[in-house]
Protein backbone atom coordinates (compact mmCIF):
# COMPACT_ATOMS: atom_id res chain seq x y z
CA MET A 1 0.03 0.12 -0.07
CA LYS A 2 1.58 3.20 -1.01
CA ARG A 3 1.37 6.34 1.44
CA CYS A 4 2.56 9.87 1.37
CA PHE A 5 6.38 10.06 1.24
CA TRP A 6 6.72 11.55 4.78
CA VAL A 7 5.14 8.55 6.47
CA ASP A 8 7.74 6.47 8.21
CA GLU A 9 6.42 2.86 7.46
CA LYS A 10 8.21 1.52 10.51
CA SER A 11 6.21 3.67 12.87
CA GLU A 12 3.07 2.20 13.69
CA ILE A 13 1.84 5.33 15.25
CA TYR A 14 2.66 7.27 12.19
CA VAL A 15 1.02 4.92 9.79
CA LYS A 16 -2.04 4.80 11.97
CA TYR A 17 -2.24 8.66 12.10
CA HIS A 18 -1.76 8.98 8.23
CA ASP A 19 -4.22 6.21 7.38
CA GLU A 20 -7.00 7.15 9.82
CA GLU A 21 -6.81 10.72 10.73
CA TRP A 22 -4.64 12.85 8.68
CA GLY A 23 -6.73 14.91 6.03
CA VAL A 24 -10.09 13.53 7.33
CA PRO A 25 -12.31 16.36 7.96
CA LYS A 26 -13.17 17.00 11.44
CA TYR A 27 -16.10 19.18 13.01
CA LYS A 28 -16.06 18.22 16.70
CA ASP A 29 -14.82 21.14 18.61
CA ARG A 30 -13.17 18.93 21.10
CA ASP A 31 -11.15 17.33 18.17
CA LEU A 32 -10.48 20.67 16.71
CA PHE A 33 -9.15 22.08 20.01
CA GLU A 34 -6.99 19.01 20.70
CA LEU A 35 -5.24 19.16 17.42
CA LEU A 36 -4.97 23.00 17.69
CA ILE A 37 -3.17 22.48 21.10
CA LEU A 38 -0.93 19.68 19.88
CA GLU A 39 -0.03 21.51 16.68
CA SER A 40 1.05 24.56 18.85
CA PHE A 41 3.16 22.13 21.10
CA GLN A 42 4.81 20.85 18.02
CA ALA A 43 6.58 24.01 16.97
CA GLY A 44 10.16 23.56 16.75
CA LEU A 45 9.70 19.75 17.23
CA SER A 46 8.84 16.85 14.88
CA TRP A 47 5.30 15.59 14.64
CA ILE A 48 6.23 12.20 15.63
CA THR A 49 7.41 13.44 18.85
CA VAL A 50 4.02 14.83 19.51
CA LEU A 51 2.14 11.76 18.27
CA LYS A 52 4.13 9.61 20.77
CA LYS A 53 3.14 11.64 23.58
CA ARG A 54 -0.51 12.45 22.57
CA GLU A 55 -2.01 10.14 25.11
CA ALA A 56 -0.14 11.80 27.85
CA PHE A 57 -1.30 15.05 26.58
CA ARG A 58 -4.84 13.87 26.58
CA GLU A 59 -4.70 12.84 30.21
CA ALA A 60 -2.82 15.97 31.44
CA PHE A 61 -4.93 18.16 29.57
CA ASP A 62 -8.30 16.74 30.71
CA ASN A 63 -8.89 15.00 27.40
CA PHE A 64 -8.64 18.52 25.85
CA ASP A 65 -11.92 19.75 27.51
CA VAL A 66 -11.61 23.33 26.46
CA GLU A 67 -13.54 24.65 29.45
CA LYS A 68 -11.32 22.95 31.93
CA VAL A 69 -8.20 24.05 30.26
CA SER A 70 -9.32 27.50 30.12
CA THR A 71 -9.53 27.61 34.02
CA TYR A 72 -5.89 26.22 34.67
CA ASP A 73 -4.08 28.06 37.20
CA GLU A 74 -0.42 28.53 38.37
CA SER A 75 -0.45 25.24 40.35
CA LYS A 76 -1.73 23.31 37.24
CA VAL A 77 1.04 25.08 35.05
CA GLU A 78 3.64 23.74 37.73
CA GLU A 79 1.96 20.34 37.52
CA LEU A 80 2.21 20.17 33.83
CA LEU A 81 5.75 21.40 33.84
CA GLN A 82 6.73 18.35 36.16
CA ASN A 83 4.78 15.96 33.77
CA ALA A 84 7.67 13.93 31.71
CA GLY A 85 5.08 12.63 29.29
CA ILE A 86 4.33 15.85 27.55
CA ILE A 87 6.38 18.64 26.14
CA ARG A 88 7.48 20.59 29.09
CA SER A 89 7.44 24.29 27.88
CA ARG A 90 6.14 26.94 30.12
CA GLY A 91 5.39 29.42 27.16
CA LYS A 92 3.37 26.59 25.17
CA ILE A 93 1.42 25.56 28.25
CA LEU A 94 0.45 29.27 29.15
CA ALA A 95 -0.49 29.74 25.30
CA ALA A 96 -2.60 26.61 25.49
CA ILE A 97 -4.52 28.13 28.48
CA SER A 98 -4.87 31.43 26.91
CA ASN A 99 -5.86 29.89 23.57
CA ALA A 100 -8.48 28.01 25.34
CA LYS A 101 -10.16 31.01 26.56
CA ILE A 102 -9.86 32.65 23.04
CA PHE A 103 -11.28 29.40 21.43
CA ILE A 104 -14.14 29.68 23.65
CA GLU A 105 -14.91 33.28 22.74
CA ILE A 106 -14.90 32.20 19.15
CA GLN A 107 -17.46 29.48 19.91
CA LYS A 108 -19.55 32.09 21.37
CA GLU A 109 -19.16 34.30 18.37
CA TYR A 110 -19.71 31.62 15.71
CA GLY A 111 -21.85 28.94 17.46
CA SER A 112 -18.78 26.61 17.39
CA PHE A 113 -15.26 26.78 16.50
CA SER A 114 -16.01 24.45 13.70
CA ASN A 115 -18.30 26.88 12.10
CA TYR A 116 -15.54 29.30 12.41
CA ILE A 117 -12.61 27.50 10.85
CA TRP A 118 -14.66 25.94 8.16
CA ALA A 119 -16.29 29.16 6.96
CA PHE A 120 -12.97 30.09 5.65
CA THR A 121 -13.40 27.56 2.91
CA ASP A 122 -17.12 27.89 2.70
CA ASN A 123 -17.31 24.40 4.41
CA LYS A 124 -15.29 22.73 1.47
CA VAL A 125 -12.23 20.59 1.59
CA ILE A 126 -9.23 22.08 -0.25
CA LYS A 127 -7.75 19.30 -2.45
CA ASN A 128 -4.20 19.82 -3.25
CA THR A 129 -3.69 18.33 -6.76
CA SER A 130 -0.40 20.51 -7.51
CA GLY A 131 1.99 17.76 -6.46
CA ILE A 132 3.77 20.13 -4.36
CA LEU A 133 3.38 20.16 -0.68
CA PRO A 134 3.53 23.63 0.80
CA VAL A 135 4.28 24.77 4.38
CA SER A 136 1.95 27.73 4.18
CA THR A 137 -0.69 29.27 1.78
CA PRO A 138 -2.74 32.46 1.60
CA LEU A 139 -5.50 30.56 3.35
CA SER A 140 -3.10 29.75 6.40
CA ASP A 141 -1.86 33.13 6.27
CA LYS A 142 -5.35 34.66 6.47
CA ILE A 143 -6.37 32.11 9.44
CA SER A 144 -3.12 32.62 11.43
CA LYS A 145 -3.55 36.53 11.07
CA ASP A 146 -7.05 36.33 12.34
CA LEU A 147 -6.34 34.06 15.15
CA LYS A 148 -3.11 36.29 16.33
CA LYS A 149 -5.42 39.32 15.96
CA ARG A 150 -7.66 37.59 18.58
CA GLY A 151 -4.91 36.96 20.87
CA MET A 152 -3.82 33.35 20.12
CA LYS A 153 -0.40 32.26 20.35
CA TYR A 154 1.72 29.58 18.46
CA VAL A 155 -0.48 30.14 15.49
CA GLY A 156 1.89 31.17 12.82
CA THR A 157 1.05 30.23 9.22
CA VAL A 158 3.31 27.26 9.13
CA ILE A 159 1.53 25.77 12.37
CA ILE A 160 -1.94 26.75 11.03
CA TYR A 161 -1.21 24.88 7.67
CA SER A 162 -0.36 21.78 9.37
CA TYR A 163 -3.38 22.27 11.48
CA LEU A 164 -5.60 22.61 8.33
CA GLN A 165 -3.98 19.42 7.15
CA ALA A 166 -4.64 17.70 10.28
CA ILE A 167 -8.22 18.62 10.73
CA GLY A 168 -8.96 17.86 6.89
CA VAL A 169 -9.75 21.39 5.78
CA VAL A 170 -6.76 20.83 3.56
CA ASP A 171 -6.22 17.32 1.78
CA ASP A 172 -2.60 17.19 0.76
CA HIS A 173 -2.39 13.38 0.26
CA GLU A 174 -0.01 12.69 -2.80
CA GLN A 175 -1.42 11.34 -5.90
CA GLY A 176 0.30 8.06 -5.43
CA CYS A 177 -1.26 7.62 -2.06
CA PHE A 178 -3.99 5.21 -1.43
CA LYS A 179 -5.68 8.15 0.37
CA TYR A 180 -5.65 10.42 -2.45
């Protein structure tokens, strides 16, 4: 079975992520929040590092319950900084808490975060047929700019492009891949 070039076939977790999740449209706000947080923690690291720590992140961040994450205090931050199962970056942890609050504001404004994020493409999946895998696009630039204007952190255009791939707004499976 042929997969996208970036998939390490020896890594079961990577294969499973590619085959079952990457590029599959997601509409549940919990899933959208989880991937937004994971993508922000990935900044400067490899995605496989994040995938290997995903279950620990789920446990540490209350299964990515946005309401709970938005109420984390300094004692919770200190607890997270001691958790060897996750990526221990004070800046990224504080950003996750702040971003949760903004995520909730967006939910209130649009009825759901899903409504917000999918509105950028009129609820359509962008299918990449160019054969080129970009790291950012005018779409990711636009969303990144809007999220930053709202106060989110770790949402640069490259992170947002990866996020759009992860949540299925953008389908970047290669033409030779069985998921294309």
